[in-house]
Protein backbone atom coordinates (compact mmCIF):
# COMPACT_ATOMS: atom_id res chain seq x y z
CA MET A 1 0.00 0.00 0.00
CA ASN A 2 1.47 3.34 -1.02
CA ARG A 3 1.63 6.40 1.22
CA ALA A 4 -1.53 8.04 -0.22
CA ALA A 5 -3.58 4.88 0.27
CA ARG A 6 -2.37 4.54 3.87
CA ALA A 7 -3.33 8.19 4.56
CA ARG A 8 -6.82 7.60 3.17
CA ALA A 9 -7.17 4.46 5.31
CA VAL A 10 -6.27 6.42 8.44
CA ARG A 11 -8.52 9.38 7.61
CA LYS A 12 -11.68 7.28 7.14
CA PRO A 13 -12.01 6.01 10.74
CA LEU A 14 -10.95 9.42 12.04
CA LEU A 15 -13.63 11.08 9.94
CA PHE A 16 -16.21 8.54 11.11
CA SER A 17 -15.24 9.11 14.75
CA THR A 18 -15.45 12.87 14.33
CA LEU A 19 -18.91 12.63 12.78
CA LEU A 20 -20.00 10.32 15.61
CA VAL A 21 -18.82 12.79 18.24
CA LEU A 22 -20.54 15.71 16.48
CA ALA A 23 -23.77 13.70 16.23
CA ALA A 24 -23.65 12.85 19.91
CA CYS A 25 -22.89 16.41 21.06
CA SER A 26 -25.80 18.80 20.58
CA THR A 27 -27.82 21.38 22.50
CA HIS A 28 -31.55 21.87 22.03
CA VAL A 29 -32.90 25.23 23.20
CA THR A 30 -36.60 25.74 23.98
CA LYS A 31 -37.76 29.31 24.54
CA ARG A 32 -41.12 29.41 26.30
CA ASP A 33 -43.59 32.14 25.49
CA ASP A 34 -43.03 35.25 27.59
CA LYS A 35 -45.65 36.08 30.21
CA ILE A 36 -46.67 39.55 31.30
CA TYR A 37 -47.54 40.02 34.98
CA GLN A 38 -48.87 43.04 36.87
CA ALA A 39 -47.47 43.15 40.41
CA TYR A 40 -46.09 45.64 42.94
CA GLY A 41 -47.45 48.52 40.88
CA ASP A 42 -45.29 47.60 37.88
CA THR A 43 -45.37 45.49 34.71
CA TRP A 44 -43.06 42.49 34.54
CA ILE A 45 -42.09 40.29 31.59
CA TYR A 46 -41.17 36.75 32.60
CA SER A 47 -38.92 34.79 30.23
CA LYS A 48 -38.05 31.10 30.57
CA THR A 49 -35.63 29.12 28.43
CA GLU A 50 -34.86 25.41 28.67
CA PHE A 51 -31.62 23.78 27.51
CA ASN A 52 -31.17 20.08 26.73
CA LYS A 53 -27.59 19.06 25.94
CA LYS A 54 -26.15 15.74 24.79
CA TYR A 55 -22.42 15.19 25.15
CA LEU A 56 -19.84 12.43 25.39
CA GLY A 57 -18.69 11.66 28.90
CA PHE A 58 -17.43 9.02 31.28
CA ASN A 59 -19.66 6.67 33.30
CA SER A 60 -22.59 7.13 30.96
CA PRO A 61 -25.57 4.74 31.06
CA HIS A 62 -24.26 3.29 27.78
CA GLY A 63 -20.79 2.33 28.95
CA ILE A 64 -17.52 3.75 30.21
CA ILE A 65 -17.65 6.45 27.55
CA GLY A 66 -20.96 7.35 26.00
CA VAL A 67 -23.69 9.91 25.52
CA ARG A 68 -24.75 11.83 28.61
CA ASN A 69 -27.57 14.35 29.02
CA ALA A 70 -27.61 17.71 30.74
CA TYR A 71 -30.57 19.99 31.44
CA TRP A 72 -30.80 23.51 32.82
CA GLU A 73 -33.13 26.49 32.77
CA THR A 74 -32.87 30.28 32.79
CA HIS A 75 -35.57 32.44 34.38
CA VAL A 76 -35.51 36.20 33.90
CA ILE A 77 -37.89 39.00 34.83
CA THR A 78 -37.78 42.49 33.31
CA ASN A 79 -39.72 45.47 34.64
CA SER A 80 -41.14 48.42 32.72
CA ALA A 81 -37.92 50.39 33.22
CA GLY A 82 -35.90 47.63 31.53
CA ARG A 83 -34.26 46.31 34.70
CA THR A 84 -33.46 42.61 34.25
CA ILE A 85 -33.21 40.15 37.14
CA SER A 86 -32.12 36.51 36.88
CA ILE A 87 -34.22 34.51 39.33
CA PRO A 88 -31.73 31.62 39.89
CA GLU A 89 -28.94 34.12 40.59
CA ASN A 90 -31.04 35.98 43.17
CA LEU A 91 -32.61 33.11 45.07
CA TYR A 92 -32.38 32.87 48.88
CA ALA A 93 -33.70 30.41 51.47
CA LEU A 94 -34.33 30.66 55.20
CA GLN A 95 -31.88 28.78 57.44
CA LYS A 96 -32.09 27.61 61.08
CA ASP A 97 -30.11 30.59 62.36
CA GLY A 98 -32.64 32.96 60.82
CA SER A 99 -30.37 34.04 57.97
CA MET A 100 -31.22 33.97 54.26
CA LYS A 101 -28.71 31.88 52.32
CA GLN A 102 -28.22 32.15 48.57
CA ILE A 103 -29.07 28.83 46.95
CA VAL A 104 -28.75 27.16 43.55
CA CYS A 105 -31.60 26.31 41.24
CA CYS A 106 -32.41 25.13 37.78
CA GLU A 107 -29.08 23.54 36.83
CA TYR A 108 -30.43 19.98 36.69
CA PHE A 109 -33.54 18.27 35.37
CA ARG A 110 -34.84 17.77 38.93
CA GLU A 111 -34.57 21.48 39.68
CA GLN A 112 -37.28 22.78 37.39
CA GLY A 113 -39.24 25.91 38.23
CA ASP A 114 -41.84 28.41 37.04
CA LEU A 115 -42.90 31.91 37.99
CA TYR A 116 -46.54 32.75 38.74
CA ASN A 117 -48.49 35.86 39.62
CA ILE A 118 -50.48 34.88 42.71
CA ASP A 119 -52.51 37.55 44.47
CA ASP A 120 -50.44 40.26 42.73
CA LYS A 121 -47.20 38.74 44.01
CA LEU A 122 -44.46 37.16 41.91
CA VAL A 123 -43.96 33.64 43.28
CA PHE A 124 -41.26 31.32 41.92
CA ILE A 125 -42.14 27.67 42.52
CA PHE A 126 -39.41 25.08 42.10
CA ASP A 127 -38.20 21.67 43.28
CA ASN A 128 -34.87 20.68 44.78
CA ALA A 129 -33.48 18.40 47.46
CA ARG A 130 -33.65 19.76 51.01
CA GLU A 131 -29.86 19.67 51.40
CA PHE A 132 -29.55 22.23 48.60
CA ILE A 133 -32.22 24.55 50.05
CA THR A 134 -32.15 24.74 53.83
CA ASP A 135 -31.03 23.12 57.08
CA CYS A 136 -34.57 23.64 58.38
CA PHE A 137 -36.83 20.61 58.11
CA ILE A 138 -38.93 20.40 54.94
CA TYR A 139 -40.15 17.36 53.03
CA PRO A 140 -41.84 16.22 49.81
CA SER A 141 -45.61 16.65 49.77
CA GLY A 142 -47.22 14.17 52.16
CA HIS A 143 -43.95 12.46 53.11
CA PRO A 144 -42.48 13.75 56.41
CA ASP A 145 -40.80 10.34 56.72
CA ASN A 146 -39.01 10.63 53.36
CA GLU A 147 -35.50 10.80 54.83
CA LEU A 148 -36.15 7.66 56.91
CA ALA A 149 -36.65 5.59 53.75
CA PRO A 150 -33.76 3.74 52.04
CA PRO A 151 -31.93 6.05 49.59
CA GLU A 152 -33.27 4.22 46.55
CA LYS A 153 -36.87 4.83 47.70
CA ARG A 154 -36.58 8.48 48.67
CA ILE A 155 -38.32 11.27 46.80
CA TYR A 156 -35.69 13.72 45.59
CA GLY A 157 -37.47 17.04 45.29
CA VAL A 158 -39.26 19.30 47.74
CA LYS A 159 -41.56 21.94 46.24
CA VAL A 160 -40.88 25.38 47.71
CA PHE A 161 -42.28 28.87 47.15
CA ALA A 162 -40.00 31.89 46.68
CA GLU A 163 -41.62 35.31 46.87
CA PHE A 164 -40.09 38.31 45.16
CA ASP A 165 -38.88 41.14 47.40
CA PRO A 166 -38.99 44.25 45.16
CA SER A 167 -37.09 46.33 47.71
CA LYS A 168 -34.02 44.07 47.39
CA ASN A 169 -34.70 42.51 43.97
CA ILE A 170 -34.33 38.98 45.34
CA PHE A 171 -36.58 35.95 45.73
CA LYS A 172 -36.90 34.56 49.26
CA THR A 173 -38.25 31.12 50.14
CA THR A 174 -39.53 30.35 53.62
CA THR A 175 -42.43 27.99 52.82
CA PHE A 176 -42.96 24.62 51.14
CA SER A 177 -45.72 22.32 49.92
CA ALA A 178 -46.28 19.88 52.80
CA GLY A 179 -49.43 18.32 51.36
CA ASP A 180 -50.62 17.21 54.79
CA ASN A 181 -51.91 20.45 56.29
CA TYR A 182 -55.29 20.35 54.55
CA LEU A 183 -58.02 17.78 54.01
CA PRO A 184 -57.28 15.27 51.23
CA PHE A 185 -60.47 15.95 49.27
CA GLU A 186 -59.88 19.70 48.92
CA TYR A 187 -58.09 19.50 45.58
CA ARG A 188 -60.94 17.50 44.06
CA ALA A 189 -63.34 20.03 45.52
CA ALA A 190 -61.43 22.80 43.75
CA VAL A 191 -61.72 20.90 40.46
CA LEU A 192 -65.41 20.27 41.06
CA ARG A 193 -65.96 23.92 41.96
CA ARG A 194 -64.69 25.02 38.55
CA GLY A 195 -66.33 22.21 36.64
CA ARG A 196 -63.02 21.34 34.93
CA PHE A 197 -59.41 20.46 35.63
CA LEU A 198 -57.33 23.25 37.13
CA THR A 199 -54.92 25.16 34.93
CA TRP A 200 -51.24 25.22 35.88
CA GLU A 201 -51.76 28.70 37.32
CA GLU A 202 -54.79 27.63 39.35
CA SER A 203 -53.01 24.53 40.64
CA ALA A 204 -50.04 26.67 41.70
CA ALA A 205 -52.35 29.10 43.51
CA PHE A 206 -54.05 26.18 45.26
CA SER A 207 -50.73 24.86 46.56
CA TYR A 208 -49.46 28.31 47.48
CA ALA A 209 -52.58 29.06 49.53
CA ARG A 210 -51.85 25.91 51.57
CA ARG A 211 -48.10 26.39 51.95
CA LYS A 212 -46.35 25.52 55.19
CA PRO A 213 -43.48 27.48 56.85
CA PHE A 214 -40.03 25.90 57.02
CA MET A 215 -39.85 23.89 60.25
CA CYS A 216 -36.64 25.38 61.62
CA ALA A 217 -37.26 24.22 65.20
CA ALA A 218 -38.15 20.65 64.23
CA ALA A 219 -35.72 17.85 65.09
CA GLY A 220 -36.04 16.13 61.74
CA PRO A 221 -38.03 13.48 59.87
CA THR A 222 -40.87 11.68 61.62
CA GLN A 223 -43.00 8.68 60.82
CA ARG A 224 -45.99 9.61 58.73
CA VAL A 225 -49.23 9.67 60.71
CA PRO A 226 -52.46 9.66 58.68
CA THR A 227 -54.26 12.96 59.30
CA SER A 228 -57.59 11.72 57.97
CA GLU A 229 -59.53 8.51 57.64
CA LEU A 230 -60.43 9.51 54.10
CA ASP A 231 -58.33 7.98 51.34
CA VAL A 232 -59.45 9.83 48.21
CA GLU A 233 -57.09 7.74 46.07
CA ALA A 234 -59.33 4.75 46.77
CA TYR A 235 -62.02 6.38 44.61
CA GLN A 236 -62.15 6.94 40.88
CA SER A 237 -60.54 10.18 39.74
CA GLY A 238 -63.53 11.35 37.70
CA ALA A 239 -67.08 11.64 38.98
CA THR A 240 -69.62 9.09 37.77
CA ARG A 241 -72.42 11.60 38.25
CA THR A 242 -72.54 15.33 38.97
CA LEU A 243 -75.50 17.17 40.49
CA GLN A 244 -75.78 20.97 40.29
CA ILE A 245 -77.96 22.97 42.70
CA SER A 246 -78.54 26.71 43.04
CA VAL A 247 -78.33 27.87 46.63
CA PRO A 248 -78.79 31.56 47.51
CA ARG A 249 -75.95 32.74 49.74
CA PRO A 250 -78.21 33.31 52.81
CA ALA A 251 -79.34 29.67 52.52
CA THR A 252 -75.81 28.18 52.49
CA SER A 253 -75.88 27.14 56.15
CA ALA A 254 -79.28 25.50 55.76
CA PHE A 255 -78.06 23.66 52.66
CA LEU A 256 -75.00 22.28 54.47
CA GLU A 257 -77.03 21.34 57.54
CA ARG A 258 -79.50 19.45 55.36
CA LEU A 259 -76.69 17.59 53.61
CA GLN A 260 -74.91 16.76 56.86
CA GLY A 261 -78.18 15.65 58.44
CA PHE A 262 -78.77 13.28 55.55
CA ALA A 263 -75.28 11.85 55.96
CA GLU A 264 -75.76 11.36 59.70
CA ARG A 265 -79.05 9.50 59.23
CA ARG A 266 -77.43 7.24 56.66
CA GLY A 267 -74.36 6.63 58.80
CA PHE A 268 -71.99 8.35 56.36
CA LYS A 269 -68.72 9.83 57.58
CA THR A 270 -68.39 13.56 56.81
CA TRP A 271 -65.59 16.14 56.51
CA LYS A 272 -65.91 19.88 56.00
CA ALA A 273 -63.32 22.33 54.66
CA GLY A 274 -63.51 26.10 54.54
CA ALA A 275 -65.08 28.47 57.04
CA ASP A 276 -66.15 31.37 54.87
CA GLY A 277 -69.01 31.47 52.43
CA LYS A 278 -66.82 31.70 49.36
CA GLU A 279 -65.10 28.32 49.16
CA VAL A 280 -66.74 25.71 51.36
CA SER A 281 -66.58 22.02 50.57
CA LEU A 282 -68.05 18.91 52.14
CA ALA A 283 -67.23 15.22 51.73
CA LEU A 284 -69.64 12.38 52.52
CA ARG A 285 -68.37 8.80 52.48
CA SER A 286 -70.64 5.80 52.18
CA GLU A 287 -69.51 2.21 51.82
CA GLU A 288 -69.25 2.40 48.05
CA VAL A 289 -69.50 6.07 47.03
CA LEU A 290 -67.71 9.28 47.98
CA VAL A 291 -69.74 12.47 47.54
CA ILE A 292 -67.93 15.83 47.38
CA ALA A 293 -69.89 19.08 47.43
CA ALA A 294 -68.25 22.40 46.52
CA ASN A 295 -69.64 25.82 45.69
CA ASP A 296 -68.83 28.43 43.09
CA GLU A 297 -70.64 31.48 44.46
CA GLU A 298 -74.29 30.32 44.59
CA LEU A 299 -73.85 27.27 42.39
CA TRP A 300 -73.11 24.02 44.23
CA ARG A 301 -71.79 20.96 42.46
CA LEU A 302 -71.97 17.50 43.98
CA GLY A 303 -69.67 14.88 42.50
CA PHE A 304 -70.26 11.15 43.04
CA TYR A 305 -67.13 8.97 42.95
CA ARG A 306 -67.24 5.18 43.10
CA ARG A 307 -64.83 3.28 45.31
CA MET A 308 -62.32 1.18 43.35
CA ALA A 309 -61.78 -2.35 44.55
CA LYS A 310 -58.26 -3.74 44.58
CA PRO A 311 -57.12 -5.43 41.33
CA PRO A 312 -58.89 -5.92 38.97
CA TYR A 313 -60.24 -2.51 40.12
CA GLU A 314 -63.90 -3.31 39.75
CA LEU A 315 -66.31 -0.47 40.48
CA PRO A 316 -69.72 -0.56 42.17
CA SER A 317 -72.62 -0.49 39.74
CA GLU A 318 -73.79 2.84 38.37
CA GLU A 319 -77.29 1.91 39.57
CA SER A 320 -76.15 2.28 43.18
CA VAL A 321 -74.77 5.74 42.35
CA ASP A 322 -78.01 6.75 40.62
CA ALA A 323 -80.00 5.62 43.66
CA LEU A 324 -77.87 7.80 45.92
CA VAL A 325 -78.20 10.75 43.52
CA HIS A 326 -81.99 10.47 43.69
CA GLU A 327 -81.96 10.25 47.47
CA ILE A 328 -79.85 13.38 47.82
CA ARG A 329 -81.85 15.22 45.16
CA ASP A 330 -85.04 14.47 47.13
CA GLU A 331 -83.36 15.55 50.38
CA LEU A 332 -82.38 18.87 48.79
CA SER A 333 -85.66 19.39 46.93
CA ALA A 334 -86.20 22.68 48.74
CA PHE A 335 -83.34 24.06 46.70
CA GLN A 336 -83.31 24.50 42.92
CA PRO A 337 -81.52 21.76 40.95
CA ARG A 338 -79.80 22.67 37.70
CA GLN A 339 -79.56 20.28 34.80
């Protein structure tokens, strides 16, 4: 083989390897639509960009050397005067000693976040492990015992809420989503109240309204203790039947008393959430059916959810649900049903 042929033979595998590396190394950028928020007497433009990168590295899932993936996000707000603030670079969390420590966010796929306008406040909601947020005690929603579980069974992220401080141009987090400081049927009641699934913004506002302060005086993780006898996950996610009833605001108490009286006579277990007249909800549990009642102003919706048996997840007959619907409709006949 002459010199030219040998050079071509060497260049071919080198060219192939180079093309392979270039194919494996790439960055995909996703720019989300900007959002405009009105808060603190100013107009804010929120910009979010997501980056997905593939690169060659050691200890990849595909071998000693192979393709690895990286993910990170940028979050920026800009006010009407053109002042730009990077949220991840101005993020602080409460610590046990009362100080606010600057923390890291959005450099990994488990550290995703979004900014919302809740009650005219800019609230950045994101997930990260407790060790990267605070030395106060916080935990994943509904799992105060998370850190007692074996490492392979632990939930990584804790959802926290960071409120913008316009006087210092920083975001400060002192609260988290505990998931156990409200009744378990309240989220379904919120869905029922609107007559549809919640939007991302509405879901964020729901969680924010039920946030829990960092537990800086707590010793640490504790065994989970059920806070309610009601296991909503044992019932189908969508209502089999829905009943709508118009109830004038002055008659709200009478309506609830009538419904609770019916449940008591039938031996149903009941739970009530909400103390004001705006967002009250009630849950009634029979042997086979869970009834949730929630109001939107003067319109009350009652959802009927069948209990799911263990595998093969058979449901009670719809006839039993219809019978209960008729009973409750008759009980509430003094009020005006809506079709």
